[in-house]
Structure formats: C-alpha cells, structure tokens
Amino acid sequence: MTSAERRRQILAEAWVGDAVLALYARRRILNESGAVDAERFQRMTSNQFLAAFGEPSEVEAEIGRVYEKKGLESAFHFIETRLMDLYDRQEAKRTKGTTQSHGAC
C-alpha cells in the first residue's frame, strides 16, 4: 500500500470515527446536563483536544476501526477509557478557572 493509499484509508476510517465520537459526545452531554451545549461539544471533539493523543485523524481512525470491528458500544467504551479522563481533567480545570475569575469580581 502506498503512503497516499494509506492516507486515504486513514481518512475514511477517521470519517467514521469522527461520527462515532460526535454521537458519543452528544449523548454524554445530554445525559450529564440534559441540555444541548455546542461549546462543550466543540471542546470534546476538537482537533486541539484529540492532538493530545496523537495526530487527530489517526485518533479518529482508531475510533472508526474499533467501531467497525466491535460495534458502537465498544467504540464508546474506547472513547470513555482512552479520551475522557483527560477531557474531564481539562473541564475541571477550566471550570475552576472560570469560577475563580468570577469570584474575584
């Protein structure tokens, strides 16, 4: 397989992985807050966040491969166990910073 063919394969897998991640994020946000939160969704699915784990398309491709081989619940479990610990820590830090800055007013 040439590097161009491999890149096309990764992008195809990433396209599916991106959709799975988006569904996971929307379900998690709705389950936790009961409301649509586009800003939180953006933080959870952004390339900036995914880059903490590697090249974003590669991370999404890995999610896509898990989905294709093992199904949606396995892909959700992968996201939960591999990505969400960091996301939760970042959110806690962001929330703490917001709370402290509002408390200073």
C-alpha atoms as a PDB file:
ATOM      1  CA  MET A   1       0.000   0.000   0.000  1.00  0.00           C
ATOM      2  CA  THR A   2       1.400   3.370  -0.970  1.00  0.00           C
ATOM      3  CA  SER A   3       1.509   6.231   1.502  1.00  0.00           C
ATOM      4  CA  ALA A   4      -1.247   8.017  -0.456  1.00  0.00           C
ATOM      5  CA  GLU A   5      -3.439   4.905  -0.299  1.00  0.00           C
ATOM      6  CA  ARG A   6      -2.747   4.526   3.412  1.00  0.00           C
ATOM      7  CA  ARG A   7      -3.638   8.179   3.999  1.00  0.00           C
ATOM      8  CA  ARG A   8      -6.929   7.731   2.118  1.00  0.00           C
ATOM      9  CA  GLN A   9      -7.701   4.683   4.248  1.00  0.00           C
ATOM     10  CA  ILE A  10      -6.934   6.581   7.454  1.00  0.00           C
ATOM     11  CA  LEU A  11      -9.153   9.468   6.373  1.00  0.00           C
ATOM     12  CA  ALA A  12     -12.011   7.077   5.547  1.00  0.00           C
ATOM     13  CA  GLU A  13     -11.671   5.401   8.949  1.00  0.00           C
ATOM     14  CA  ALA A  14     -11.408   8.815  10.592  1.00  0.00           C
ATOM     15  CA  TRP A  15     -14.602   9.978   8.918  1.00  0.00           C
ATOM     16  CA  VAL A  16     -16.477   7.132  10.579  1.00  0.00           C
ATOM     17  CA  GLY A  17     -14.592   7.636  13.862  1.00  0.00           C
ATOM     18  CA  ASP A  18     -15.471  11.328  13.861  1.00  0.00           C
ATOM     19  CA  ALA A  19     -19.167  10.445  13.551  1.00  0.00           C
ATOM     20  CA  VAL A  20     -18.918   7.946  16.413  1.00  0.00           C
ATOM     21  CA  LEU A  21     -17.104  10.493  18.590  1.00  0.00           C
ATOM     22  CA  ALA A  22     -19.747  13.115  17.777  1.00  0.00           C
ATOM     23  CA  LEU A  23     -22.556  10.765  18.771  1.00  0.00           C
ATOM     24  CA  TYR A  24     -20.734   9.802  21.969  1.00  0.00           C
ATOM     25  CA  ALA A  25     -20.169  13.465  22.861  1.00  0.00           C
ATOM     26  CA  ARG A  26     -23.782  14.468  22.221  1.00  0.00           C
ATOM     27  CA  ARG A  27     -25.137  11.566  24.252  1.00  0.00           C
ATOM     28  CA  ARG A  28     -22.753  12.249  27.121  1.00  0.00           C
ATOM     29  CA  ILE A  29     -23.543  15.963  27.202  1.00  0.00           C
ATOM     30  CA  LEU A  30     -27.293  15.339  27.123  1.00  0.00           C
ATOM     31  CA  ASN A  31     -27.056  12.645  29.819  1.00  0.00           C
ATOM     32  CA  GLU A  32     -24.962  14.832  32.106  1.00  0.00           C
ATOM     33  CA  SER A  33     -26.636  18.198  31.671  1.00  0.00           C
ATOM     34  CA  GLY A  34     -29.947  17.493  29.966  1.00  0.00           C
ATOM     35  CA  ALA A  35     -29.257  20.293  27.517  1.00  0.00           C
ATOM     36  CA  VAL A  36     -27.557  20.968  24.210  1.00  0.00           C
ATOM     37  CA  ASP A  37     -24.138  22.561  24.776  1.00  0.00           C
ATOM     38  CA  ALA A  38     -22.363  23.310  21.499  1.00  0.00           C
ATOM     39  CA  GLU A  39     -19.301  24.804  23.193  1.00  0.00           C
ATOM     40  CA  ARG A  40     -18.756  21.709  25.310  1.00  0.00           C
ATOM     41  CA  PHE A  41     -19.312  19.528  22.247  1.00  0.00           C
ATOM     42  CA  GLN A  42     -16.647  21.509  20.385  1.00  0.00           C
ATOM     43  CA  ARG A  43     -14.147  21.094  23.206  1.00  0.00           C
ATOM     44  CA  MET A  44     -14.797  17.347  23.416  1.00  0.00           C
ATOM     45  CA  THR A  45     -14.408  16.693  19.676  1.00  0.00           C
ATOM     46  CA  SER A  46     -11.898  19.316  18.563  1.00  0.00           C
ATOM     47  CA  ASN A  47      -8.658  18.525  16.802  1.00  0.00           C
ATOM     48  CA  GLN A  48      -6.917  20.534  19.525  1.00  0.00           C
ATOM     49  CA  PHE A  49      -8.209  18.082  22.158  1.00  0.00           C
ATOM     50  CA  LEU A  50      -7.533  14.996  20.026  1.00  0.00           C
ATOM     51  CA  ALA A  51      -3.977  16.170  19.343  1.00  0.00           C
ATOM     52  CA  ALA A  52      -3.139  15.358  22.969  1.00  0.00           C
ATOM     53  CA  PHE A  53      -3.388  11.673  21.921  1.00  0.00           C
ATOM     54  CA  GLY A  54      -1.696  11.877  18.527  1.00  0.00           C
ATOM     55  CA  GLU A  55      -2.487  13.133  15.064  1.00  0.00           C
ATOM     56  CA  PRO A  56      -6.253  13.866  15.204  1.00  0.00           C
ATOM     57  CA  SER A  57      -7.122  11.890  12.057  1.00  0.00           C
ATOM     58  CA  GLU A  58      -5.215   8.899  13.433  1.00  0.00           C
ATOM     59  CA  VAL A  59      -7.121   9.096  16.725  1.00  0.00           C
ATOM     60  CA  GLU A  60     -10.444   9.307  14.896  1.00  0.00           C
ATOM     61  CA  ALA A  61      -9.372   6.452  12.606  1.00  0.00           C
ATOM     62  CA  GLU A  62      -8.672   4.285  15.635  1.00  0.00           C
ATOM     63  CA  ILE A  63     -12.178   5.013  16.930  1.00  0.00           C
ATOM     64  CA  GLY A  64     -13.536   4.131  13.486  1.00  0.00           C
ATOM     65  CA  ARG A  65     -11.649   0.823  13.435  1.00  0.00           C
ATOM     66  CA  VAL A  66     -12.966  -0.137  16.867  1.00  0.00           C
ATOM     67  CA  TYR A  67     -16.485   0.694  15.702  1.00  0.00           C
ATOM     68  CA  GLU A  68     -16.147  -1.340  12.502  1.00  0.00           C
ATOM     69  CA  LYS A  69     -14.654  -4.377  14.261  1.00  0.00           C
ATOM     70  CA  LYS A  70     -16.519  -4.419  17.578  1.00  0.00           C
ATOM     71  CA  GLY A  71     -19.563  -2.146  17.320  1.00  0.00           C
ATOM     72  CA  LEU A  72     -20.848   1.068  18.786  1.00  0.00           C
ATOM     73  CA  GLU A  73     -20.734   0.199  22.489  1.00  0.00           C
ATOM     74  CA  SER A  74     -17.104  -0.942  22.184  1.00  0.00           C
ATOM     75  CA  ALA A  75     -16.242   2.286  20.377  1.00  0.00           C
ATOM     76  CA  PHE A  76     -17.967   4.284  23.127  1.00  0.00           C
ATOM     77  CA  HIS A  77     -16.032   2.305  25.749  1.00  0.00           C
ATOM     78  CA  PHE A  78     -12.795   3.047  23.866  1.00  0.00           C
ATOM     79  CA  ILE A  79     -13.590   6.779  23.871  1.00  0.00           C
ATOM     80  CA  GLU A  80     -14.551   6.718  27.551  1.00  0.00           C
ATOM     81  CA  THR A  81     -11.445   4.871  28.709  1.00  0.00           C
ATOM     82  CA  ARG A  82      -8.878   6.448  26.370  1.00  0.00           C
ATOM     83  CA  LEU A  83     -10.004  10.043  25.952  1.00  0.00           C
ATOM     84  CA  MET A  84     -12.421  11.173  28.618  1.00  0.00           C
ATOM     85  CA  ASP A  85     -10.122  11.157  31.643  1.00  0.00           C
ATOM     86  CA  LEU A  86      -8.090  13.963  30.083  1.00  0.00           C
ATOM     87  CA  TYR A  87     -11.227  15.753  28.911  1.00  0.00           C
ATOM     88  CA  ASP A  88     -12.708  15.611  32.424  1.00  0.00           C
ATOM     89  CA  ARG A  89      -9.498  16.970  33.935  1.00  0.00           C
ATOM     90  CA  GLN A  90      -9.407  19.805  31.390  1.00  0.00           C
ATOM     91  CA  GLU A  91     -13.051  20.661  32.067  1.00  0.00           C
ATOM     92  CA  ALA A  92     -12.478  20.659  35.822  1.00  0.00           C
ATOM     93  CA  LYS A  93      -9.515  22.989  35.389  1.00  0.00           C
ATOM     94  CA  ARG A  94     -11.481  25.229  33.007  1.00  0.00           C
ATOM     95  CA  THR A  95     -14.467  25.348  35.357  1.00  0.00           C
ATOM     96  CA  LYS A  96     -12.232  26.061  38.342  1.00  0.00           C
ATOM     97  CA  GLY A  97     -10.575  28.917  36.434  1.00  0.00           C
ATOM     98  CA  THR A  98     -13.954  30.349  35.427  1.00  0.00           C
ATOM     99  CA  THR A  99     -15.268  30.116  38.976  1.00  0.00           C
ATOM    100  CA  GLN A 100     -12.185  31.795  40.407  1.00  0.00           C
ATOM    101  CA  SER A 101     -12.260  34.627  37.879  1.00  0.00           C
ATOM    102  CA  HIS A 102     -15.969  35.252  38.557  1.00  0.00           C
ATOM    103  CA  GLY A 103     -15.371  35.152  42.299  1.00  0.00           C
ATOM    104  CA  ALA A 104     -12.801  37.931  42.043  1.00  0.00           C
ATOM    105  CA  CYS A 105     -15.343  40.403  40.687  1.00  0.00           C
END
